[in-house]
């Protein structure tokens, strides 16, 4: 499980979107990014569908997830 509290592009506000991690300043759950990418959407499409999210936020989240997974892999 990723520790999203270490990612500057997201926030978890009690009572907001069922306490889900969201892109900072939006009501868009981080999970929506991964669900859409898994379903074949491009980052460009995601940004069109969720205009409050910035490309920088998406890049930061993907980089954070990538780095976190790399650290978690057994050597």
PDB file of N, CA and C in Angstrom:
ATOM      1  N   UNK A   1       0.852  -1.180   0.000  1.00  0.00           N
ATOM      2  CA  UNK A   1       0.000   0.000   0.000  1.00  0.00           C
ATOM      3  C   UNK A   1       0.895   1.240   0.000  1.00  0.00           C
ATOM      4  N   UNK A   2       0.571   2.182  -0.851  1.00  0.00           N
ATOM      5  CA  UNK A   2       1.350   3.412  -0.945  1.00  0.00           C
ATOM      6  C   UNK A   2       0.979   4.380   0.182  1.00  0.00           C
ATOM      7  N   UNK A   3       1.959   5.120   0.652  1.00  0.00           N
ATOM      8  CA  UNK A   3       1.733   6.142   1.674  1.00  0.00           C
ATOM      9  C   UNK A   3       1.547   7.481   0.962  1.00  0.00           C
ATOM     10  N   UNK A   4       0.322   7.754   0.539  1.00  0.00           N
ATOM     11  CA  UNK A   4       0.036   8.947  -0.250  1.00  0.00           C
ATOM     12  C   UNK A   4       0.319  10.240   0.509  1.00  0.00           C
ATOM     13  N   UNK A   5       0.432  10.177   1.828  1.00  0.00           N
ATOM     14  CA  UNK A   5       0.693  11.402   2.581  1.00  0.00           C
ATOM     15  C   UNK A   5       2.047  12.013   2.214  1.00  0.00           C
ATOM     16  N   UNK A   6       2.905  11.250   1.566  1.00  0.00           N
ATOM     17  CA  UNK A   6       4.219  11.733   1.142  1.00  0.00           C
ATOM     18  C   UNK A   6       4.209  12.326  -0.268  1.00  0.00           C
ATOM     19  N   UNK A   7       3.061  12.341  -0.916  1.00  0.00           N
ATOM     20  CA  UNK A   7       2.947  12.850  -2.291  1.00  0.00           C
ATOM     21  C   UNK A   7       2.309  14.242  -2.275  1.00  0.00           C
ATOM     22  N   UNK A   8       3.030  15.224  -2.781  1.00  0.00           N
ATOM     23  CA  UNK A   8       2.579  16.617  -2.725  1.00  0.00           C
ATOM     24  C   UNK A   8       1.373  16.923  -3.613  1.00  0.00           C
ATOM     25  N   UNK A   9       1.055  16.065  -4.554  1.00  0.00           N
ATOM     26  CA  UNK A   9      -0.023  16.339  -5.505  1.00  0.00           C
ATOM     27  C   UNK A   9      -1.394  15.901  -5.020  1.00  0.00           C
ATOM     28  N   UNK A  10      -1.438  15.262  -3.849  1.00  0.00           N
ATOM     29  CA  UNK A  10      -2.709  14.722  -3.367  1.00  0.00           C
ATOM     30  C   UNK A  10      -2.986  15.167  -1.938  1.00  0.00           C
ATOM     31  N   UNK A  11      -4.236  14.976  -1.527  1.00  0.00           N
ATOM     32  CA  UNK A  11      -4.635  15.297  -0.162  1.00  0.00           C
ATOM     33  C   UNK A  11      -5.776  14.387   0.253  1.00  0.00           C
ATOM     34  N   UNK A  12      -5.920  14.226   1.541  1.00  0.00           N
ATOM     35  CA  UNK A  12      -7.043  13.478   2.103  1.00  0.00           C
ATOM     36  C   UNK A  12      -7.670  14.377   3.156  1.00  0.00           C
ATOM     37  N   UNK A  13      -8.853  14.875   2.863  1.00  0.00           N
ATOM     38  CA  UNK A  13      -9.553  15.790   3.757  1.00  0.00           C
ATOM     39  C   UNK A  13     -10.716  15.032   4.392  1.00  0.00           C
ATOM     40  N   UNK A  14     -10.722  14.918   5.715  1.00  0.00           N
ATOM     41  CA  UNK A  14     -11.816  14.203   6.380  1.00  0.00           C
ATOM     42  C   UNK A  14     -13.182  14.721   5.929  1.00  0.00           C
ATOM     43  N   UNK A  15     -14.046  13.786   5.524  1.00  0.00           N
ATOM     44  CA  UNK A  15     -15.387  14.122   5.082  1.00  0.00           C
ATOM     45  C   UNK A  15     -15.494  14.493   3.614  1.00  0.00           C
ATOM     46  N   UNK A  16     -14.379  14.645   2.938  1.00  0.00           N
ATOM     47  CA  UNK A  16     -14.388  15.008   1.515  1.00  0.00           C
ATOM     48  C   UNK A  16     -14.215  13.749   0.678  1.00  0.00           C
ATOM     49  N   UNK A  17     -15.147  13.477  -0.212  1.00  0.00           N
ATOM     50  CA  UNK A  17     -15.116  12.312  -1.107  1.00  0.00           C
ATOM     51  C   UNK A  17     -14.851  11.035  -0.298  1.00  0.00           C
ATOM     52  N   UNK A  18     -15.629  10.849   0.746  1.00  0.00           N
ATOM     53  CA  UNK A  18     -15.540   9.651   1.592  1.00  0.00           C
ATOM     54  C   UNK A  18     -14.129   9.402   2.119  1.00  0.00           C
ATOM     55  N   UNK A  19     -13.431  10.458   2.428  1.00  0.00           N
ATOM     56  CA  UNK A  19     -12.066  10.383   2.978  1.00  0.00           C
ATOM     57  C   UNK A  19     -11.056   9.753   2.017  1.00  0.00           C
ATOM     58  N   UNK A  20     -11.349   9.776   0.734  1.00  0.00           N
ATOM     59  CA  UNK A  20     -10.433   9.216  -0.263  1.00  0.00           C
ATOM     60  C   UNK A  20      -9.292  10.199  -0.542  1.00  0.00           C
ATOM     61  N   UNK A  21      -8.169   9.672  -1.002  1.00  0.00           N
ATOM     62  CA  UNK A  21      -7.083  10.537  -1.471  1.00  0.00           C
ATOM     63  C   UNK A  21      -7.511  11.141  -2.788  1.00  0.00           C
ATOM     64  N   UNK A  22      -7.450  12.457  -2.862  1.00  0.00           N
ATOM     65  CA  UNK A  22      -7.860  13.169  -4.073  1.00  0.00           C
ATOM     66  C   UNK A  22      -6.711  14.030  -4.575  1.00  0.00           C
ATOM     67  N   UNK A  23      -6.806  14.408  -5.843  1.00  0.00           N
ATOM     68  CA  UNK A  23      -5.841  15.366  -6.366  1.00  0.00           C
ATOM     69  C   UNK A  23      -6.056  16.675  -5.615  1.00  0.00           C
ATOM     70  N   UNK A  24      -4.974  17.262  -5.120  1.00  0.00           N
ATOM     71  CA  UNK A  24      -5.038  18.462  -4.290  1.00  0.00           C
ATOM     72  C   UNK A  24      -5.884  19.546  -4.961  1.00  0.00           C
ATOM     73  N   UNK A  25      -6.831  20.086  -4.201  1.00  0.00           N
ATOM     74  CA  UNK A  25      -7.676  21.162  -4.695  1.00  0.00           C
ATOM     75  C   UNK A  25      -8.847  20.705  -5.548  1.00  0.00           C
ATOM     76  N   UNK A  26      -9.057  19.387  -5.647  1.00  0.00           N
ATOM     77  CA  UNK A  26     -10.161  18.854  -6.441  1.00  0.00           C
ATOM     78  C   UNK A  26     -10.957  17.850  -5.610  1.00  0.00           C
ATOM     79  N   UNK A  27     -11.984  17.318  -6.217  1.00  0.00           N
ATOM     80  CA  UNK A  27     -12.741  16.213  -5.627  1.00  0.00           C
ATOM     81  C   UNK A  27     -12.497  14.933  -6.436  1.00  0.00           C
ATOM     82  N   UNK A  28     -11.458  14.905  -7.231  1.00  0.00           N
ATOM     83  CA  UNK A  28     -11.158  13.761  -8.095  1.00  0.00           C
ATOM     84  C   UNK A  28     -10.266  12.780  -7.338  1.00  0.00           C
ATOM     85  N   UNK A  29     -10.772  11.573  -7.078  1.00  0.00           N
ATOM     86  CA  UNK A  29      -9.955  10.578  -6.381  1.00  0.00           C
ATOM     87  C   UNK A  29      -8.754  10.139  -7.219  1.00  0.00           C
ATOM     88  N   UNK A  30      -7.636   9.910  -6.546  1.00  0.00           N
ATOM     89  CA  UNK A  30      -6.440   9.401  -7.222  1.00  0.00           C
ATOM     90  C   UNK A  30      -6.763   8.068  -7.896  1.00  0.00           C
ATOM     91  N   UNK A  31      -7.595   7.284  -7.258  1.00  0.00           N
ATOM     92  CA  UNK A  31      -7.993   5.984  -7.808  1.00  0.00           C
ATOM     93  C   UNK A  31      -8.591   6.130  -9.203  1.00  0.00           C
ATOM     94  N   UNK A  32      -9.268   7.248  -9.473  1.00  0.00           N
ATOM     95  CA  UNK A  32      -9.875   7.460 -10.790  1.00  0.00           C
ATOM     96  C   UNK A  32      -8.812   7.462 -11.880  1.00  0.00           C
ATOM     97  N   UNK A  33      -7.636   8.004 -11.589  1.00  0.00           N
ATOM     98  CA  UNK A  33      -6.553   8.005 -12.569  1.00  0.00           C
ATOM     99  C   UNK A  33      -6.163   6.575 -12.916  1.00  0.00           C
ATOM    100  N   UNK A  34      -5.891   5.777 -11.898  1.00  0.00           N
ATOM    101  CA  UNK A  34      -5.438   4.413 -12.138  1.00  0.00           C
ATOM    102  C   UNK A  34      -6.540   3.558 -12.770  1.00  0.00           C
ATOM    103  N   UNK A  35      -7.786   3.754 -12.362  1.00  0.00           N
ATOM    104  CA  UNK A  35      -8.896   3.016 -12.974  1.00  0.00           C
ATOM    105  C   UNK A  35      -9.011   3.346 -14.456  1.00  0.00           C
ATOM    106  N   UNK A  36      -8.925   4.631 -14.789  1.00  0.00           N
ATOM    107  CA  UNK A  36      -9.046   5.037 -16.190  1.00  0.00           C
ATOM    108  C   UNK A  36      -7.869   4.553 -17.026  1.00  0.00           C
ATOM    109  N   UNK A  37      -6.661   4.635 -16.495  1.00  0.00           N
ATOM    110  CA  UNK A  37      -5.497   4.138 -17.235  1.00  0.00           C
ATOM    111  C   UNK A  37      -5.599   2.630 -17.441  1.00  0.00           C
ATOM    112  N   UNK A  38      -6.050   1.939 -16.425  1.00  0.00           N
ATOM    113  CA  UNK A  38      -6.229   0.488 -16.524  1.00  0.00           C
ATOM    114  C   UNK A  38      -7.249   0.125 -17.602  1.00  0.00           C
ATOM    115  N   UNK A  39      -8.255   0.964 -17.761  1.00  0.00           N
ATOM    116  CA  UNK A  39      -9.294   0.729 -18.766  1.00  0.00           C
ATOM    117  C   UNK A  39      -8.885   1.185 -20.163  1.00  0.00           C
ATOM    118  N   UNK A  40      -7.652   1.687 -20.310  1.00  0.00           N
ATOM    119  CA  UNK A  40      -7.142   2.041 -21.625  1.00  0.00           C
ATOM    120  C   UNK A  40      -7.140   3.521 -21.964  1.00  0.00           C
ATOM    121  N   UNK A  41      -7.550   4.361 -21.029  1.00  0.00           N
ATOM    122  CA  UNK A  41      -7.546   5.805 -21.294  1.00  0.00           C
ATOM    123  C   UNK A  41      -6.113   6.326 -21.334  1.00  0.00           C
ATOM    124  N   UNK A  42      -5.925   7.390 -22.063  1.00  0.00           N
ATOM    125  CA  UNK A  42      -4.623   8.064 -22.071  1.00  0.00           C
ATOM    126  C   UNK A  42      -4.632   9.155 -21.000  1.00  0.00           C
ATOM    127  N   UNK A  43      -3.463   9.647 -20.680  1.00  0.00           N
ATOM    128  CA  UNK A  43      -3.376  10.756 -19.724  1.00  0.00           C
ATOM    129  C   UNK A  43      -4.097  11.977 -20.286  1.00  0.00           C
ATOM    130  N   UNK A  44      -3.947  12.220 -21.561  1.00  0.00           N
ATOM    131  CA  UNK A  44      -4.635  13.350 -22.195  1.00  0.00           C
ATOM    132  C   UNK A  44      -6.151  13.227 -22.018  1.00  0.00           C
ATOM    133  N   UNK A  45      -6.688  12.031 -22.243  1.00  0.00           N
ATOM    134  CA  UNK A  45      -8.130  11.833 -22.071  1.00  0.00           C
ATOM    135  C   UNK A  45      -8.534  12.074 -20.618  1.00  0.00           C
ATOM    136  N   UNK A  46      -7.757  11.541 -19.697  1.00  0.00           N
ATOM    137  CA  UNK A  46      -8.064  11.732 -18.276  1.00  0.00           C
ATOM    138  C   UNK A  46      -8.125  13.218 -17.945  1.00  0.00           C
ATOM    139  N   UNK A  47      -7.155  13.975 -18.415  1.00  0.00           N
ATOM    140  CA  UNK A  47      -7.125  15.417 -18.144  1.00  0.00           C
ATOM    141  C   UNK A  47      -8.318  16.134 -18.769  1.00  0.00           C
ATOM    142  N   UNK A  48      -8.779  15.665 -19.923  1.00  0.00           N
ATOM    143  CA  UNK A  48      -9.977  16.247 -20.554  1.00  0.00           C
ATOM    144  C   UNK A  48     -11.217  15.932 -19.736  1.00  0.00           C
ATOM    145  N   UNK A  49     -11.303  14.719 -19.212  1.00  0.00           N
ATOM    146  CA  UNK A  49     -12.476  14.287 -18.455  1.00  0.00           C
ATOM    147  C   UNK A  49     -12.522  14.891 -17.060  1.00  0.00           C
ATOM    148  N   UNK A  50     -11.361  15.240 -16.514  1.00  0.00           N
ATOM    149  CA  UNK A  50     -11.268  15.794 -15.158  1.00  0.00           C
ATOM    150  C   UNK A  50     -10.469  17.099 -15.216  1.00  0.00           C
ATOM    151  N   UNK A  51     -11.101  18.168 -15.721  1.00  0.00           N
ATOM    152  CA  UNK A  51     -10.379  19.415 -15.990  1.00  0.00           C
ATOM    153  C   UNK A  51      -9.761  20.095 -14.767  1.00  0.00           C
ATOM    154  N   UNK A  52     -10.157  19.754 -13.566  1.00  0.00           N
ATOM    155  CA  UNK A  52      -9.551  20.357 -12.385  1.00  0.00           C
ATOM    156  C   UNK A  52      -8.170  19.800 -12.063  1.00  0.00           C
ATOM    157  N   UNK A  53      -7.861  18.645 -12.642  1.00  0.00           N
ATOM    158  CA  UNK A  53      -6.570  17.995 -12.400  1.00  0.00           C
ATOM    159  C   UNK A  53      -5.570  18.514 -13.425  1.00  0.00           C
ATOM    160  N   UNK A  54      -4.348  18.795 -12.979  1.00  0.00           N
ATOM    161  CA  UNK A  54      -3.322  19.299 -13.887  1.00  0.00           C
ATOM    162  C   UNK A  54      -2.408  18.167 -14.351  1.00  0.00           C
ATOM    163  N   UNK A  55      -1.758  18.403 -15.470  1.00  0.00           N
ATOM    164  CA  UNK A  55      -0.801  17.429 -15.989  1.00  0.00           C
ATOM    165  C   UNK A  55       0.322  17.213 -14.986  1.00  0.00           C
ATOM    166  N   UNK A  56       0.759  18.283 -14.332  1.00  0.00           N
ATOM    167  CA  UNK A  56       1.818  18.171 -13.324  1.00  0.00           C
ATOM    168  C   UNK A  56       1.389  17.267 -12.173  1.00  0.00           C
ATOM    169  N   UNK A  57       0.143  17.388 -11.737  1.00  0.00           N
ATOM    170  CA  UNK A  57      -0.347  16.521 -10.663  1.00  0.00           C
ATOM    171  C   UNK A  57      -0.316  15.056 -11.093  1.00  0.00           C
ATOM    172  N   UNK A  58      -0.769  14.782 -12.304  1.00  0.00           N
ATOM    173  CA  UNK A  58      -0.766  13.402 -12.809  1.00  0.00           C
ATOM    174  C   UNK A  58       0.663  12.878 -12.876  1.00  0.00           C
ATOM    175  N   UNK A  59       1.569  13.675 -13.413  1.00  0.00           N
ATOM    176  CA  UNK A  59       2.966  13.253 -13.515  1.00  0.00           C
ATOM    177  C   UNK A  59       3.562  12.999 -12.128  1.00  0.00           C
ATOM    178  N   UNK A  60       3.242  13.848 -11.168  1.00  0.00           N
ATOM    179  CA  UNK A  60       3.752  13.686  -9.808  1.00  0.00           C
ATOM    180  C   UNK A  60       3.216  12.394  -9.187  1.00  0.00           C
ATOM    181  N   UNK A  61       1.927  12.129  -9.353  1.00  0.00           N
ATOM    182  CA  UNK A  61       1.320  10.913  -8.804  1.00  0.00           C
ATOM    183  C   UNK A  61       1.933   9.666  -9.443  1.00  0.00           C
ATOM    184  N   UNK A  62       2.085   9.674 -10.758  1.00  0.00           N
ATOM    185  CA  UNK A  62       2.655   8.504 -11.432  1.00  0.00           C
ATOM    186  C   UNK A  62       4.112   8.291 -11.023  1.00  0.00           C
ATOM    187  N   UNK A  63       4.872   9.364 -10.903  1.00  0.00           N
ATOM    188  CA  UNK A  63       6.268   9.252 -10.474  1.00  0.00           C
ATOM    189  C   UNK A  63       6.345   8.750  -9.036  1.00  0.00           C
ATOM    190  N   UNK A  64       5.494   9.263  -8.172  1.00  0.00           N
ATOM    191  CA  UNK A  64       5.467   8.822  -6.784  1.00  0.00           C
ATOM    192  C   UNK A  64       5.150   7.330  -6.703  1.00  0.00           C
ATOM    193  N   UNK A  65       4.135   6.904  -7.451  1.00  0.00           N
ATOM    194  CA  UNK A  65       3.756   5.489  -7.441  1.00  0.00           C
ATOM    195  C   UNK A  65       4.895   4.633  -7.974  1.00  0.00           C
ATOM    196  N   UNK A  66       5.527   5.080  -9.035  1.00  0.00           N
ATOM    197  CA  UNK A  66       6.637   4.334  -9.628  1.00  0.00           C
ATOM    198  C   UNK A  66       7.800   4.200  -8.641  1.00  0.00           C
ATOM    199  N   UNK A  67       8.168   5.294  -8.001  1.00  0.00           N
ATOM    200  CA  UNK A  67       9.265   5.259  -7.026  1.00  0.00           C
ATOM    201  C   UNK A  67       8.909   4.398  -5.823  1.00  0.00           C
ATOM    202  N   UNK A  68       7.686   4.495  -5.370  1.00  0.00           N
ATOM    203  CA  UNK A  68       7.254   3.709  -4.218  1.00  0.00           C
ATOM    204  C   UNK A  68       7.277   2.221  -4.532  1.00  0.00           C
ATOM    205  N   UNK A  69       6.859   1.870  -5.731  1.00  0.00           N
ATOM    206  CA  UNK A  69       6.867   0.460  -6.131  1.00  0.00           C
ATOM    207  C   UNK A  69       8.285  -0.059  -6.307  1.00  0.00           C
ATOM    208  N   UNK A  70       9.164   0.784  -6.816  1.00  0.00           N
ATOM    209  CA  UNK A  70      10.563   0.372  -7.008  1.00  0.00           C
ATOM    210  C   UNK A  70      11.213   0.093  -5.652  1.00  0.00           C
ATOM    211  N   UNK A  71      10.886   0.890  -4.656  1.00  0.00           N
ATOM    212  CA  UNK A  71      11.440   0.703  -3.312  1.00  0.00           C
ATOM    213  C   UNK A  71      10.877  -0.565  -2.696  1.00  0.00           C
ATOM    214  N   UNK A  72       9.622  -0.880  -3.004  1.00  0.00           N
ATOM    215  CA  UNK A  72       8.961  -2.026  -2.403  1.00  0.00           C
ATOM    216  C   UNK A  72       9.372  -3.365  -3.033  1.00  0.00           C
ATOM    217  N   UNK A  73       9.984  -3.339  -4.218  1.00  0.00           N
ATOM    218  CA  UNK A  73      10.357  -4.585  -4.891  1.00  0.00           C
ATOM    219  C   UNK A  73      11.483  -5.274  -4.138  1.00  0.00           C
ATOM    220  N   UNK A  74      11.380  -6.610  -4.003  1.00  0.00           N
ATOM    221  CA  UNK A  74      12.459  -7.349  -3.350  1.00  0.00           C
ATOM    222  C   UNK A  74      13.723  -7.341  -4.217  1.00  0.00           C
ATOM    223  N   UNK A  75      14.857  -7.348  -3.578  1.00  0.00           N
ATOM    224  CA  UNK A  75      16.124  -7.326  -4.315  1.00  0.00           C
ATOM    225  C   UNK A  75      16.707  -8.700  -4.452  1.00  0.00           C
TER     226      UNK A  75
END
